[in-house]
């Protein structure tokens, strides 16, 4: 720590706070407990967020956020310089939940007082000198929600471990129109496509699961993003599904996914942001995990306390409304990008995960839910 910087947080409640989370949508969602903690502690403060362009949808209807700043993932030099200049000392407090160079520099530029997460490595000591306070980052044994909330504890405010998924009445109405009036509790949401192949389950497994859900009297709703590859993948899965299955890939925004997931009898998905959303809104959730470390990245169950991790590293587990189903290979979780060690390779632990295990987990969750009226 640079001795010339004041370590103590400002004594008076701040007027304007910035939270920096320039990474993927899942990272953005898992920063919302910190944002909620700030807003509950300082209700008069304006809490802003800084995220990458294309990830802001996860915060669009968040009631705790005053303004969302977006920056390109790879901005031009002139554009980036102007962005830095526009941030310069605009905030009483700036917090970075990421250890990278850019988020730390954004905090340095924006905050009159700033703190963040950093790797305690000698080669990264220069970043320590840019912050008034920093917390050593743990990438193995501390869940991302809890890691982010250590910044709340540093500020002396109560940590609130609530992943926030917001939506508007218009989002709710659009979902009702797209689902053709299907009542809450009468459908299951399946999200078959993660961004990377190493997190994928296989199409035949999704079809077997959907056929079983159909026999339980649940309508199948498929979700996915607007990208051409993602829509094509979901369409291929949908082709052989039971009649009445609804493919909403590319047709719902992130905000619309909130009410859609909240009304589902059950949700099944891989290690992706949508699975975090399903867990957050309290929907019975089956999360399919292969190489990823559940301790760090498992979905945060609704209502889980802030002082403990929901998940252990090895084995299928249950926490609250979430059943985390892990592949059964001796190497799981390897915490690497597929068996060939790149994002487009596949993971044997997921490719060999039988549909019967997924159905068993879904059956466990469905057996606990109240039967919908008119079911």
Protein backbone atom coordinates (compact mmCIF):
# COMPACT_ATOMS: atom_id res chain seq x y z
CA UNK A 1 0.00 0.00 0.00
CA UNK A 2 1.28 3.41 -0.93
CA UNK A 3 1.89 5.27 2.34
CA UNK A 4 0.82 8.55 0.74
CA UNK A 5 -2.73 7.28 0.20
CA UNK A 6 -5.30 7.40 2.98
CA UNK A 7 -6.27 3.81 3.79
CA UNK A 8 -9.45 4.60 5.67
CA UNK A 9 -12.72 4.82 3.77
CA UNK A 10 -14.40 8.24 3.74
CA UNK A 11 -16.05 8.97 7.07
CA UNK A 12 -19.20 10.56 5.61
CA UNK A 13 -21.67 8.60 3.46
CA UNK A 14 -20.67 9.09 -0.19
CA UNK A 15 -22.91 10.78 -2.71
CA UNK A 16 -21.70 8.94 -5.77
CA UNK A 17 -20.20 5.41 -6.00
CA UNK A 18 -18.93 3.49 -9.04
CA UNK A 19 -18.68 -0.32 -9.23
CA UNK A 20 -16.45 -1.58 -12.05
CA UNK A 21 -17.09 -5.04 -13.49
CA UNK A 22 -15.77 -5.08 -17.05
CA UNK A 23 -16.08 -8.75 -17.89
CA UNK A 24 -18.84 -11.20 -18.89
CA UNK A 25 -22.55 -11.11 -18.07
CA UNK A 26 -22.15 -13.70 -15.31
CA UNK A 27 -19.52 -11.57 -13.61
CA UNK A 28 -21.84 -8.56 -13.86
CA UNK A 29 -24.71 -10.46 -12.22
CA UNK A 30 -22.49 -11.70 -9.41
CA UNK A 31 -21.50 -8.10 -8.64
CA UNK A 32 -25.13 -7.15 -7.89
CA UNK A 33 -24.94 -8.27 -4.23
CA UNK A 34 -22.17 -5.71 -3.66
CA UNK A 35 -24.24 -3.06 -5.42
CA UNK A 36 -27.27 -3.93 -3.28
CA UNK A 37 -25.14 -3.75 -0.13
CA UNK A 38 -23.94 -0.26 -1.08
CA UNK A 39 -27.45 0.98 -1.84
CA UNK A 40 -28.93 -0.43 1.37
CA UNK A 41 -26.16 1.09 3.47
CA UNK A 42 -26.29 4.45 1.69
CA UNK A 43 -29.83 4.84 0.27
CA UNK A 44 -29.23 8.47 -0.74
CA UNK A 45 -26.10 7.65 -2.75
CA UNK A 46 -26.15 7.26 -6.51
CA UNK A 47 -24.57 3.92 -7.34
CA UNK A 48 -23.34 3.56 -10.93
CA UNK A 49 -21.85 0.57 -12.76
CA UNK A 50 -19.16 0.37 -15.43
CA UNK A 51 -19.39 -2.69 -17.69
CA UNK A 52 -18.42 -3.86 -21.15
CA UNK A 53 -20.77 -3.07 -24.02
CA UNK A 54 -23.13 -5.99 -24.53
CA UNK A 55 -23.30 -6.97 -20.85
CA UNK A 56 -25.41 -4.07 -19.59
CA UNK A 57 -28.68 -5.97 -20.17
CA UNK A 58 -28.13 -7.84 -16.93
CA UNK A 59 -28.44 -4.53 -15.05
CA UNK A 60 -31.01 -2.74 -17.20
CA UNK A 61 -33.89 -3.07 -14.72
CA UNK A 62 -31.80 -3.19 -11.54
CA UNK A 63 -33.46 -0.84 -9.02
CA UNK A 64 -30.20 -0.21 -7.14
CA UNK A 65 -28.36 1.36 -10.08
CA UNK A 66 -28.55 5.01 -11.06
CA UNK A 67 -26.54 4.87 -14.29
CA UNK A 68 -24.71 2.27 -16.36
CA UNK A 69 -21.50 3.26 -18.16
CA UNK A 70 -20.39 1.00 -21.01
CA UNK A 71 -17.02 0.73 -22.72
CA UNK A 72 -15.97 -1.38 -25.70
CA UNK A 73 -14.01 -4.51 -24.87
CA UNK A 74 -11.35 -3.38 -27.35
CA UNK A 75 -11.73 0.39 -27.75
CA UNK A 76 -9.59 2.51 -30.01
CA UNK A 77 -6.82 4.55 -28.39
CA UNK A 78 -8.51 7.94 -28.88
CA UNK A 79 -11.89 6.64 -27.76
CA UNK A 80 -10.34 5.08 -24.68
CA UNK A 81 -8.46 8.24 -23.72
CA UNK A 82 -11.69 10.23 -23.92
CA UNK A 83 -13.47 7.64 -21.79
CA UNK A 84 -10.80 7.89 -19.08
CA UNK A 85 -10.98 11.68 -19.17
CA UNK A 86 -14.78 11.59 -18.78
CA UNK A 87 -14.42 9.44 -15.64
CA UNK A 88 -11.73 11.54 -13.99
CA UNK A 89 -12.49 11.94 -10.27
CA UNK A 90 -16.24 11.95 -10.78
CA UNK A 91 -16.89 9.57 -7.89
CA UNK A 92 -16.45 9.75 -4.13
CA UNK A 93 -15.71 6.01 -4.14
CA UNK A 94 -14.74 3.67 -7.00
CA UNK A 95 -14.62 -0.11 -6.48
CA UNK A 96 -13.16 -2.69 -8.86
CA UNK A 97 -14.27 -6.32 -8.40
CA UNK A 98 -11.70 -7.50 -10.96
CA UNK A 99 -7.94 -7.85 -10.70
CA UNK A 100 -7.05 -6.79 -14.25
CA UNK A 101 -5.12 -3.72 -15.34
CA UNK A 102 -8.02 -1.92 -16.99
CA UNK A 103 -10.57 -2.14 -14.16
CA UNK A 104 -7.93 -1.03 -11.66
CA UNK A 105 -7.01 1.91 -13.88
CA UNK A 106 -10.68 2.80 -14.26
CA UNK A 107 -11.00 2.87 -10.46
CA UNK A 108 -7.88 5.04 -10.21
CA UNK A 109 -9.26 7.48 -12.76
CA UNK A 110 -12.81 7.63 -11.43
CA UNK A 111 -12.53 7.57 -7.65
CA UNK A 112 -11.35 10.19 -5.22
CA UNK A 113 -11.13 7.15 -2.93
CA UNK A 114 -10.78 3.69 -4.47
CA UNK A 115 -10.46 0.05 -3.55
CA UNK A 116 -10.43 -3.26 -5.37
CA UNK A 117 -9.46 -6.90 -5.60
CA UNK A 118 -5.88 -7.65 -6.64
CA UNK A 119 -3.61 -10.64 -7.05
CA UNK A 120 -0.88 -10.42 -4.37
CA UNK A 121 1.97 -10.96 -6.83
CA UNK A 122 5.17 -8.90 -6.96
CA UNK A 123 4.73 -8.13 -10.66
CA UNK A 124 1.33 -6.57 -9.93
CA UNK A 125 2.49 -4.39 -7.05
CA UNK A 126 2.17 -1.28 -9.23
CA UNK A 127 -1.61 -1.65 -9.11
CA UNK A 128 -1.56 -1.63 -5.32
CA UNK A 129 -0.19 1.90 -5.44
CA UNK A 130 -3.23 3.08 -7.42
CA UNK A 131 -5.71 2.08 -4.73
CA UNK A 132 -6.29 3.28 -1.19
CA UNK A 133 -7.22 -0.25 -0.10
CA UNK A 134 -7.04 -3.62 -1.79
CA UNK A 135 -8.04 -7.16 -0.93
CA UNK A 136 -6.05 -10.26 -1.99
CA UNK A 137 -8.02 -12.14 -4.62
CA UNK A 138 -8.80 -15.82 -4.00
CA UNK A 139 -9.59 -17.70 -7.22
CA UNK A 140 -10.06 -21.15 -5.67
CA UNK A 141 -11.74 -21.25 -2.27
CA UNK A 142 -14.04 -18.22 -2.15
CA UNK A 143 -17.23 -17.85 -4.18
CA UNK A 144 -17.33 -14.82 -6.47
CA UNK A 145 -20.28 -13.33 -4.57
CA UNK A 146 -18.41 -13.58 -1.26
CA UNK A 147 -15.20 -12.27 -2.83
CA UNK A 148 -16.99 -9.17 -4.10
CA UNK A 149 -18.73 -8.66 -0.76
CA UNK A 150 -15.38 -8.33 0.98
CA UNK A 151 -15.30 -4.84 -0.48
CA UNK A 152 -18.52 -4.09 1.44
CA UNK A 153 -16.90 -5.38 4.63
CA UNK A 154 -13.83 -3.23 3.93
CA UNK A 155 -16.15 -0.20 3.79
CA UNK A 156 -17.75 -1.20 7.08
CA UNK A 157 -21.19 -1.89 5.64
CA UNK A 158 -23.29 -5.06 6.06
CA UNK A 159 -22.88 -7.54 3.19
CA UNK A 160 -26.12 -8.54 1.47
CA UNK A 161 -25.72 -11.78 -0.49
CA UNK A 162 -28.58 -11.28 -2.94
CA UNK A 163 -28.02 -11.64 -6.67
CA UNK A 164 -30.47 -9.11 -8.13
CA UNK A 165 -32.45 -9.84 -11.30
CA UNK A 166 -34.84 -7.05 -12.22
CA UNK A 167 -37.54 -6.57 -14.82
CA UNK A 168 -40.30 -4.14 -15.68
CA UNK A 169 -44.07 -4.65 -16.07
CA UNK A 170 -43.49 -4.34 -19.81
CA UNK A 171 -40.98 -7.20 -19.71
CA UNK A 172 -43.56 -9.28 -17.85
CA UNK A 173 -46.24 -8.50 -20.42
CA UNK A 174 -43.95 -9.35 -23.34
CA UNK A 175 -43.15 -12.72 -21.79
CA UNK A 176 -46.82 -13.50 -21.30
CA UNK A 177 -47.44 -12.71 -24.96
CA UNK A 178 -44.54 -14.85 -26.19
CA UNK A 179 -45.53 -17.85 -24.07
CA UNK A 180 -49.10 -17.63 -25.38
CA UNK A 181 -50.59 -17.40 -21.93
CA UNK A 182 -48.87 -20.48 -20.49
CA UNK A 183 -49.42 -20.18 -16.75
CA UNK A 184 -46.56 -19.95 -14.26
CA UNK A 185 -45.58 -23.35 -12.95
CA UNK A 186 -46.77 -25.12 -16.09
CA UNK A 187 -43.54 -24.96 -18.10
CA UNK A 188 -39.87 -25.89 -17.84
CA UNK A 189 -37.08 -23.69 -19.17
CA UNK A 190 -34.08 -25.36 -20.83
CA UNK A 191 -31.03 -23.32 -21.81
CA UNK A 192 -28.86 -25.64 -23.91
CA UNK A 193 -26.20 -23.27 -25.24
CA UNK A 194 -23.27 -21.86 -23.26
CA UNK A 195 -20.82 -19.51 -24.93
CA UNK A 196 -18.04 -22.12 -25.06
CA UNK A 197 -18.06 -25.75 -26.18
CA UNK A 198 -16.27 -26.95 -23.07
CA UNK A 199 -19.39 -26.14 -21.02
CA UNK A 200 -21.84 -27.91 -23.37
CA UNK A 201 -23.99 -30.93 -22.71
CA UNK A 202 -24.97 -32.97 -25.79
CA UNK A 203 -28.15 -32.41 -27.90
CA UNK A 204 -29.50 -35.95 -27.43
CA UNK A 205 -29.43 -35.42 -23.67
CA UNK A 206 -31.52 -32.28 -23.96
CA UNK A 207 -34.05 -34.15 -26.12
CA UNK A 208 -34.33 -37.03 -23.64
CA UNK A 209 -34.82 -34.58 -20.80
CA UNK A 210 -37.45 -32.64 -22.75
CA UNK A 211 -39.36 -35.83 -23.60
CA UNK A 212 -39.46 -36.76 -19.91
CA UNK A 213 -40.64 -33.28 -18.89
CA UNK A 214 -43.33 -33.42 -21.55
CA UNK A 215 -44.61 -36.66 -20.04
CA UNK A 216 -44.90 -34.83 -16.71
CA UNK A 217 -47.27 -32.35 -18.35
CA UNK A 218 -44.82 -29.45 -18.56
CA UNK A 219 -44.45 -27.34 -21.66
CA UNK A 220 -40.85 -27.03 -22.87
CA UNK A 221 -39.46 -23.50 -23.33
CA UNK A 222 -36.01 -23.17 -24.89
CA UNK A 223 -33.95 -20.03 -24.37
CA UNK A 224 -30.84 -18.70 -26.05
CA UNK A 225 -29.19 -15.54 -27.31
CA UNK A 226 -29.53 -13.74 -30.63
CA UNK A 227 -26.25 -14.90 -32.18
CA UNK A 228 -26.59 -16.93 -35.36
CA UNK A 229 -24.61 -19.89 -34.05
CA UNK A 230 -26.56 -20.00 -30.81
CA UNK A 231 -29.94 -19.78 -32.54
CA UNK A 232 -28.93 -22.54 -34.97
CA UNK A 233 -27.85 -24.81 -32.11
CA UNK A 234 -31.07 -24.28 -30.15
CA UNK A 235 -33.14 -24.76 -33.33
CA UNK A 236 -31.41 -28.10 -33.95
CA UNK A 237 -32.28 -29.21 -30.42
CA UNK A 238 -35.87 -27.98 -30.86
CA UNK A 239 -36.45 -29.89 -34.10
CA UNK A 240 -37.02 -33.21 -32.35
CA UNK A 241 -38.80 -31.99 -29.25
CA UNK A 242 -42.39 -32.87 -28.34
CA UNK A 243 -45.17 -30.86 -29.94
CA UNK A 244 -45.89 -27.61 -28.17
CA UNK A 245 -42.27 -26.90 -27.32
CA UNK A 246 -41.50 -23.20 -27.62
CA UNK A 247 -38.18 -21.92 -28.96
CA UNK A 248 -37.53 -18.39 -27.65
CA UNK A 249 -33.85 -18.22 -28.62
CA UNK A 250 -33.07 -14.69 -29.80
CA UNK A 251 -36.57 -13.47 -28.91
CA UNK A 252 -36.16 -12.42 -25.27
CA UNK A 253 -33.92 -9.80 -23.70
CA UNK A 254 -32.00 -10.43 -20.48
CA UNK A 255 -34.59 -8.40 -18.60
CA UNK A 256 -37.40 -10.50 -20.10
CA UNK A 257 -35.64 -13.65 -18.96
CA UNK A 258 -36.26 -12.57 -15.36
CA UNK A 259 -40.05 -13.10 -15.35
CA UNK A 260 -39.76 -16.07 -17.71
CA UNK A 261 -37.42 -17.88 -15.32
CA UNK A 262 -39.36 -16.82 -12.24
CA UNK A 263 -42.50 -18.50 -13.62
CA UNK A 264 -40.84 -21.81 -14.53
CA UNK A 265 -41.55 -25.02 -12.64
CA UNK A 266 -37.90 -25.95 -13.17
CA UNK A 267 -34.86 -24.72 -15.07
CA UNK A 268 -31.93 -26.72 -16.46
CA UNK A 269 -28.80 -25.12 -17.89
CA UNK A 270 -25.00 -25.27 -18.07
CA UNK A 271 -22.44 -23.01 -16.40
CA UNK A 272 -23.74 -19.75 -17.85
CA UNK A 273 -25.20 -16.40 -16.80
CA UNK A 274 -28.78 -17.57 -17.36
CA UNK A 275 -28.27 -20.33 -14.80
CA UNK A 276 -27.17 -17.69 -12.29
CA UNK A 277 -30.37 -15.77 -13.05
CA UNK A 278 -32.59 -18.82 -12.55
CA UNK A 279 -30.99 -19.56 -9.19
CA UNK A 280 -31.29 -15.91 -8.13
CA UNK A 281 -35.04 -15.64 -8.75
CA UNK A 282 -35.67 -18.77 -6.67
CA UNK A 283 -36.62 -21.15 -9.48
CA UNK A 284 -35.77 -24.84 -8.88
CA UNK A 285 -32.51 -25.01 -10.85
CA UNK A 286 -30.36 -27.86 -12.14
CA UNK A 287 -26.89 -26.59 -13.09
CA UNK A 288 -24.75 -28.85 -15.29
CA UNK A 289 -21.09 -28.45 -14.30
CA UNK A 290 -18.01 -29.99 -15.87
CA UNK A 291 -14.55 -28.36 -15.76
CA UNK A 292 -15.60 -25.22 -13.84
CA UNK A 293 -14.87 -24.85 -10.13
CA UNK A 294 -18.25 -24.81 -8.33
CA UNK A 295 -16.72 -23.23 -5.23
CA UNK A 296 -15.99 -20.14 -7.31
CA UNK A 297 -18.69 -20.20 -10.01
CA UNK A 298 -21.61 -22.31 -8.82
CA UNK A 299 -24.99 -20.52 -9.02
CA UNK A 300 -25.74 -18.59 -5.83
CA UNK A 301 -28.96 -20.05 -4.36
CA UNK A 302 -31.68 -17.62 -3.39
CA UNK A 303 -31.46 -16.76 0.30
CA UNK A 304 -28.04 -18.32 0.86
CA UNK A 305 -26.11 -16.63 3.72
CA UNK A 306 -23.17 -14.37 2.96
CA UNK A 307 -20.76 -16.00 5.39
CA UNK A 308 -20.36 -19.39 3.67
CA UNK A 309 -19.74 -20.83 0.22
CA UNK A 310 -22.73 -22.72 -1.21
CA UNK A 311 -20.57 -25.39 -2.88
CA UNK A 312 -17.69 -27.78 -2.42
CA UNK A 313 -15.29 -28.42 -5.27
CA UNK A 314 -16.07 -32.08 -5.97
CA UNK A 315 -19.35 -33.93 -6.33
CA UNK A 316 -22.98 -33.35 -7.20
CA UNK A 317 -24.59 -31.26 -4.47
CA UNK A 318 -27.76 -29.53 -3.35
CA UNK A 319 -28.01 -26.04 -1.85
CA UNK A 320 -31.38 -24.36 -1.44
CA UNK A 321 -33.22 -24.17 -4.75
CA UNK A 322 -30.20 -25.35 -6.76
CA UNK A 323 -29.05 -28.87 -7.62
CA UNK A 324 -25.50 -28.71 -8.99
CA UNK A 325 -24.86 -31.82 -11.09
CA UNK A 326 -21.20 -32.57 -11.75
CA UNK A 327 -19.71 -35.00 -14.24
CA UNK A 328 -18.16 -38.18 -12.83
CA UNK A 329 -14.56 -38.25 -14.05
CA UNK A 330 -11.50 -38.51 -11.85
CA UNK A 331 -10.26 -35.17 -13.21
CA UNK A 332 -13.42 -33.17 -12.41
CA UNK A 333 -13.21 -30.25 -11.98
CA UNK A 334 -10.01 -29.71 -13.93
CA UNK A 335 -10.70 -25.96 -14.11
CA UNK A 336 -9.37 -25.98 -17.68
CA UNK A 337 -10.99 -25.19 -21.00
CA UNK A 338 -12.08 -28.60 -22.25
CA UNK A 339 -10.18 -31.82 -22.69
CA UNK A 340 -8.08 -30.28 -25.47
CA UNK A 341 -7.44 -27.13 -23.42
CA UNK A 342 -9.15 -24.55 -25.61
CA UNK A 343 -12.62 -23.02 -25.46
CA UNK A 344 -13.90 -24.78 -28.58
CA UNK A 345 -12.94 -28.24 -27.33
CA UNK A 346 -15.46 -30.41 -25.49
CA UNK A 347 -15.34 -31.85 -21.99
CA UNK A 348 -15.74 -35.61 -21.63
CA UNK A 349 -17.26 -35.19 -18.16
CA UNK A 350 -20.25 -33.40 -19.72
CA UNK A 351 -20.38 -35.38 -22.95
CA UNK A 352 -20.64 -38.57 -20.87
CA UNK A 353 -23.18 -37.22 -18.37
CA UNK A 354 -26.25 -39.46 -18.85
CA UNK A 355 -29.69 -37.93 -19.23
CA UNK A 356 -30.93 -40.25 -16.50
CA UNK A 357 -28.85 -38.37 -13.89
CA UNK A 358 -30.22 -35.01 -15.03
CA UNK A 359 -33.79 -36.34 -15.01
CA UNK A 360 -33.28 -37.72 -11.49
CA UNK A 361 -32.13 -34.28 -10.26
CA UNK A 362 -35.07 -32.56 -11.95
CA UNK A 363 -37.47 -35.11 -10.47
CA UNK A 364 -36.11 -34.39 -6.98
CA UNK A 365 -36.76 -30.67 -7.35
CA UNK A 366 -40.19 -31.08 -8.94
CA UNK A 367 -41.30 -33.40 -6.15
CA UNK A 368 -40.80 -30.55 -3.65
CA UNK A 369 -42.75 -27.85 -5.45
CA UNK A 370 -46.41 -27.05 -4.76
CA UNK A 371 -48.66 -28.31 -7.53
CA UNK A 372 -49.85 -25.36 -9.67
CA UNK A 373 -53.56 -24.58 -9.62
CA UNK A 374 -55.28 -26.33 -12.54
CA UNK A 375 -52.27 -28.57 -13.25
